[in-house]
Amino acid sequence: MLMFNSDYEVGVFKRLSENNELVMEVGQEEYTIMLSDQEMVDLEQHLVNQENLLIPFHKKTKELILNTESNYDEEEMEELMNISEGAEDHGED
């Protein structure tokens, strides 16, 4: 678990520009951060995982603390979908 101290704050996602610039609000300040293509992918996964627009942020290093782990196992989800479809074929709910 990530422990927060005075160097960390939670920023609010505002927008992304076409040239991979993330604009977020941290406290009363607005930050613009250039992201690599991989960081863009990581940011998207983080926002999906969190289901909100909050991004932990290290103020001194300007580093985003992103949760990029999948919320589910794709194979398990596919198996559950197949089971569900089989139940519908047999008239079960």
N, C-alpha and C. Protein backbone atom coordinates (compact mmCIF):
# COMPACT_ATOMS: atom_id res chain seq x y z
N MET A 1 0.84 -1.18 0.00
CA MET A 1 0.00 0.00 0.00
C MET A 1 0.89 1.24 0.00
N LEU A 2 0.47 2.23 -0.75
CA LEU A 2 1.22 3.47 -0.86
C LEU A 2 0.92 4.36 0.33
N MET A 3 1.96 4.79 1.01
CA MET A 3 1.79 5.69 2.16
C MET A 3 2.04 7.11 1.68
N PHE A 4 1.12 7.99 1.97
CA PHE A 4 1.27 9.37 1.53
C PHE A 4 1.98 10.19 2.60
N ASN A 5 2.79 11.12 2.13
CA ASN A 5 3.39 12.10 3.02
C ASN A 5 3.22 13.47 2.37
N SER A 6 3.89 14.46 2.87
CA SER A 6 3.67 15.83 2.39
C SER A 6 4.10 16.03 0.93
N ASP A 7 4.90 15.11 0.37
CA ASP A 7 5.31 15.23 -1.02
C ASP A 7 4.26 14.72 -2.00
N TYR A 8 3.26 14.02 -1.50
CA TYR A 8 2.24 13.43 -2.35
C TYR A 8 0.91 14.16 -2.19
N GLU A 9 0.24 14.30 -3.30
CA GLU A 9 -1.12 14.85 -3.30
C GLU A 9 -1.92 14.07 -4.33
N VAL A 10 -3.22 14.23 -4.27
CA VAL A 10 -4.08 13.61 -5.26
C VAL A 10 -4.52 14.70 -6.22
N GLY A 11 -4.23 14.49 -7.50
CA GLY A 11 -4.62 15.44 -8.52
C GLY A 11 -5.91 15.01 -9.18
N VAL A 12 -6.56 15.96 -9.81
CA VAL A 12 -7.79 15.69 -10.54
C VAL A 12 -7.50 15.86 -12.03
N PHE A 13 -7.75 14.79 -12.78
CA PHE A 13 -7.58 14.79 -14.22
C PHE A 13 -8.48 15.86 -14.83
N LYS A 14 -7.90 16.70 -15.70
CA LYS A 14 -8.70 17.72 -16.39
C LYS A 14 -8.84 17.40 -17.87
N ARG A 15 -7.69 17.16 -18.54
CA ARG A 15 -7.76 16.86 -19.97
C ARG A 15 -6.43 16.33 -20.49
N LEU A 16 -6.49 15.73 -21.66
CA LEU A 16 -5.32 15.30 -22.41
C LEU A 16 -5.32 16.05 -23.73
N SER A 17 -4.15 16.48 -24.15
CA SER A 17 -4.06 17.13 -25.45
C SER A 17 -3.55 16.11 -26.47
N GLU A 18 -3.60 16.48 -27.73
CA GLU A 18 -3.18 15.57 -28.80
C GLU A 18 -1.69 15.24 -28.74
N ASN A 19 -0.90 16.11 -28.15
CA ASN A 19 0.55 15.87 -28.10
C ASN A 19 0.98 15.26 -26.76
N ASN A 20 0.11 14.43 -26.18
CA ASN A 20 0.40 13.66 -24.95
C ASN A 20 0.67 14.54 -23.73
N GLU A 21 0.02 15.67 -23.64
CA GLU A 21 0.13 16.51 -22.45
C GLU A 21 -1.07 16.24 -21.55
N LEU A 22 -0.76 15.89 -20.31
CA LEU A 22 -1.80 15.71 -19.31
C LEU A 22 -1.93 17.01 -18.53
N VAL A 23 -3.15 17.48 -18.39
CA VAL A 23 -3.41 18.66 -17.57
C VAL A 23 -4.22 18.17 -16.38
N MET A 24 -3.70 18.45 -15.18
CA MET A 24 -4.40 18.04 -13.97
C MET A 24 -4.29 19.15 -12.94
N GLU A 25 -5.25 19.15 -12.03
CA GLU A 25 -5.28 20.15 -10.97
C GLU A 25 -4.89 19.48 -9.67
N VAL A 26 -3.89 20.02 -9.03
CA VAL A 26 -3.41 19.51 -7.75
C VAL A 26 -3.52 20.66 -6.75
N GLY A 27 -4.44 20.51 -5.82
CA GLY A 27 -4.70 21.61 -4.90
C GLY A 27 -5.25 22.78 -5.69
N GLN A 28 -4.63 23.93 -5.57
CA GLN A 28 -5.06 25.11 -6.30
C GLN A 28 -4.21 25.36 -7.55
N GLU A 29 -3.27 24.44 -7.83
CA GLU A 29 -2.37 24.61 -8.97
C GLU A 29 -2.75 23.69 -10.12
N GLU A 30 -2.50 24.16 -11.33
CA GLU A 30 -2.71 23.34 -12.51
C GLU A 30 -1.34 22.92 -13.04
N TYR A 31 -1.19 21.62 -13.29
CA TYR A 31 0.07 21.07 -13.79
C TYR A 31 -0.16 20.56 -15.21
N THR A 32 0.83 20.77 -16.07
CA THR A 32 0.84 20.19 -17.41
C THR A 32 2.07 19.30 -17.48
N ILE A 33 1.83 18.03 -17.78
CA ILE A 33 2.91 17.04 -17.78
C ILE A 33 2.95 16.34 -19.13
N MET A 34 4.13 16.30 -19.74
CA MET A 34 4.31 15.57 -20.99
C MET A 34 4.42 14.08 -20.68
N LEU A 35 3.65 13.26 -21.38
CA LEU A 35 3.65 11.82 -21.15
C LEU A 35 4.18 11.09 -22.38
N SER A 36 4.90 10.00 -22.13
CA SER A 36 5.32 9.14 -23.23
C SER A 36 4.11 8.31 -23.67
N ASP A 37 4.26 7.60 -24.78
CA ASP A 37 3.16 6.75 -25.25
C ASP A 37 2.81 5.69 -24.20
N GLN A 38 3.82 5.11 -23.56
CA GLN A 38 3.56 4.10 -22.54
C GLN A 38 2.87 4.71 -21.32
N GLU A 39 3.27 5.90 -20.94
CA GLU A 39 2.60 6.58 -19.83
C GLU A 39 1.15 6.88 -20.16
N MET A 40 0.87 7.18 -21.42
CA MET A 40 -0.52 7.40 -21.84
C MET A 40 -1.34 6.12 -21.66
N VAL A 41 -0.77 4.99 -22.05
CA VAL A 41 -1.44 3.70 -21.88
C VAL A 41 -1.65 3.42 -20.40
N ASP A 42 -0.62 3.67 -19.60
CA ASP A 42 -0.73 3.45 -18.15
C ASP A 42 -1.78 4.35 -17.52
N LEU A 43 -1.84 5.60 -17.96
CA LEU A 43 -2.84 6.54 -17.44
C LEU A 43 -4.25 6.06 -17.77
N GLU A 44 -4.45 5.61 -19.00
CA GLU A 44 -5.77 5.10 -19.39
C GLU A 44 -6.17 3.92 -18.52
N GLN A 45 -5.24 2.98 -18.30
CA GLN A 45 -5.54 1.81 -17.45
C GLN A 45 -5.84 2.25 -16.03
N HIS A 46 -5.09 3.21 -15.52
CA HIS A 46 -5.32 3.72 -14.16
C HIS A 46 -6.73 4.31 -14.03
N LEU A 47 -7.11 5.13 -14.99
CA LEU A 47 -8.43 5.76 -14.93
C LEU A 47 -9.55 4.73 -15.01
N VAL A 48 -9.35 3.68 -15.82
CA VAL A 48 -10.34 2.60 -15.90
C VAL A 48 -10.40 1.86 -14.58
N ASN A 49 -9.25 1.55 -14.00
CA ASN A 49 -9.21 0.82 -12.72
C ASN A 49 -9.86 1.60 -11.60
N GLN A 50 -9.61 2.91 -11.56
CA GLN A 50 -10.09 3.72 -10.45
C GLN A 50 -11.55 4.12 -10.60
N GLU A 51 -12.03 4.14 -11.84
CA GLU A 51 -13.40 4.56 -12.13
C GLU A 51 -13.68 5.98 -11.62
N ASN A 52 -12.64 6.78 -11.54
CA ASN A 52 -12.78 8.19 -11.19
C ASN A 52 -11.62 8.95 -11.84
N LEU A 53 -11.52 10.20 -11.61
CA LEU A 53 -10.49 11.02 -12.27
C LEU A 53 -9.38 11.47 -11.33
N LEU A 54 -9.17 10.73 -10.24
CA LEU A 54 -8.15 11.08 -9.27
C LEU A 54 -6.83 10.36 -9.58
N ILE A 55 -5.74 11.12 -9.51
CA ILE A 55 -4.42 10.57 -9.82
C ILE A 55 -3.45 10.97 -8.71
N PRO A 56 -2.92 10.00 -7.96
CA PRO A 56 -1.88 10.34 -6.98
C PRO A 56 -0.66 10.92 -7.71
N PHE A 57 -0.03 11.91 -7.08
CA PHE A 57 0.98 12.71 -7.76
C PHE A 57 2.06 13.09 -6.77
N HIS A 58 3.34 12.92 -7.16
CA HIS A 58 4.48 13.33 -6.33
C HIS A 58 4.87 14.73 -6.77
N LYS A 59 4.70 15.70 -5.89
CA LYS A 59 4.90 17.11 -6.26
C LYS A 59 6.33 17.45 -6.66
N LYS A 60 7.31 16.87 -5.97
CA LYS A 60 8.70 17.25 -6.27
C LYS A 60 9.19 16.65 -7.57
N THR A 61 8.89 15.38 -7.82
CA THR A 61 9.39 14.71 -9.02
C THR A 61 8.41 14.82 -10.19
N LYS A 62 7.21 15.31 -9.93
CA LYS A 62 6.15 15.40 -10.94
C LYS A 62 5.80 14.01 -11.50
N GLU A 63 5.94 13.00 -10.66
CA GLU A 63 5.68 11.61 -11.06
C GLU A 63 4.24 11.23 -10.71
N LEU A 64 3.58 10.59 -11.67
CA LEU A 64 2.24 10.07 -11.43
C LEU A 64 2.36 8.69 -10.80
N ILE A 65 1.53 8.40 -9.83
CA ILE A 65 1.51 7.09 -9.18
C ILE A 65 0.28 6.37 -9.71
N LEU A 66 0.48 5.49 -10.70
CA LEU A 66 -0.63 4.90 -11.42
C LEU A 66 -0.84 3.43 -11.07
N ASN A 67 -2.10 3.04 -10.95
CA ASN A 67 -2.49 1.64 -10.77
C ASN A 67 -2.72 1.08 -12.16
N THR A 68 -1.80 0.23 -12.63
CA THR A 68 -1.90 -0.29 -13.99
C THR A 68 -2.22 -1.78 -14.03
N GLU A 69 -2.50 -2.37 -12.87
CA GLU A 69 -2.85 -3.79 -12.85
C GLU A 69 -4.28 -3.97 -13.31
N SER A 70 -4.53 -5.03 -14.07
CA SER A 70 -5.89 -5.30 -14.53
C SER A 70 -6.78 -5.63 -13.35
N ASN A 71 -8.03 -5.21 -13.43
CA ASN A 71 -8.99 -5.50 -12.37
C ASN A 71 -9.54 -6.91 -12.44
N TYR A 72 -9.34 -7.57 -13.55
CA TYR A 72 -9.86 -8.92 -13.72
C TYR A 72 -8.95 -9.70 -14.64
N ASP A 73 -9.10 -11.00 -14.59
CA ASP A 73 -8.34 -11.88 -15.46
C ASP A 73 -9.18 -12.13 -16.71
N GLU A 74 -8.64 -11.83 -17.87
CA GLU A 74 -9.40 -11.95 -19.12
C GLU A 74 -9.90 -13.37 -19.35
N GLU A 75 -9.09 -14.37 -19.02
CA GLU A 75 -9.52 -15.75 -19.21
C GLU A 75 -10.70 -16.08 -18.30
N GLU A 76 -10.68 -15.62 -17.06
CA GLU A 76 -11.79 -15.85 -16.15
C GLU A 76 -13.06 -15.18 -16.66
N MET A 77 -12.93 -13.95 -17.16
CA MET A 77 -14.09 -13.24 -17.68
C MET A 77 -14.67 -13.97 -18.89
N GLU A 78 -13.81 -14.47 -19.78
CA GLU A 78 -14.29 -15.20 -20.95
C GLU A 78 -15.02 -16.47 -20.53
N GLU A 79 -14.46 -17.17 -19.54
CA GLU A 79 -15.10 -18.38 -19.04
C GLU A 79 -16.47 -18.07 -18.44
N LEU A 80 -16.55 -17.00 -17.65
CA LEU A 80 -17.84 -16.61 -17.08
C LEU A 80 -18.85 -16.22 -18.15
N MET A 81 -18.38 -15.55 -19.19
CA MET A 81 -19.28 -15.19 -20.28
C MET A 81 -19.80 -16.43 -20.99
N ASN A 82 -18.93 -17.41 -21.21
CA ASN A 82 -19.35 -18.65 -21.86
C ASN A 82 -20.36 -19.41 -21.00
N ILE A 83 -20.15 -19.43 -19.69
CA ILE A 83 -21.09 -20.08 -18.79
C ILE A 83 -22.43 -19.36 -18.85
N SER A 84 -22.40 -18.06 -18.84
CA SER A 84 -23.62 -17.26 -18.89
C SER A 84 -24.38 -17.52 -20.19
N GLU A 85 -23.67 -17.56 -21.31
CA GLU A 85 -24.31 -17.83 -22.59
C GLU A 85 -24.92 -19.22 -22.61
N GLY A 86 -24.25 -20.20 -22.01
CA GLY A 86 -24.78 -21.57 -21.93
C GLY A 86 -26.06 -21.62 -21.11
N ALA A 87 -26.14 -20.85 -20.04
CA ALA A 87 -27.34 -20.82 -19.20
C ALA A 87 -28.50 -20.20 -19.98
N GLU A 88 -28.21 -19.18 -20.78
CA GLU A 88 -29.28 -18.55 -21.57
C GLU A 88 -29.81 -19.52 -22.63
N ASP A 89 -28.93 -20.35 -23.20
CA ASP A 89 -29.35 -21.31 -24.21
C ASP A 89 -30.29 -22.36 -23.64
N HIS A 90 -30.14 -22.64 -22.34
CA HIS A 90 -30.97 -23.64 -21.69
C HIS A 90 -32.16 -23.03 -20.95
N GLY A 91 -32.40 -21.76 -21.17
CA GLY A 91 -33.54 -21.08 -20.56
C GLY A 91 -33.38 -20.79 -19.08
N GLU A 92 -32.15 -20.81 -18.59
CA GLU A 92 -31.88 -20.51 -17.18
C GLU A 92 -31.47 -19.07 -17.05
N ASP A 93 -31.73 -18.49 -15.90
CA ASP A 93 -31.33 -17.09 -15.67
C ASP A 93 -30.20 -17.01 -14.71
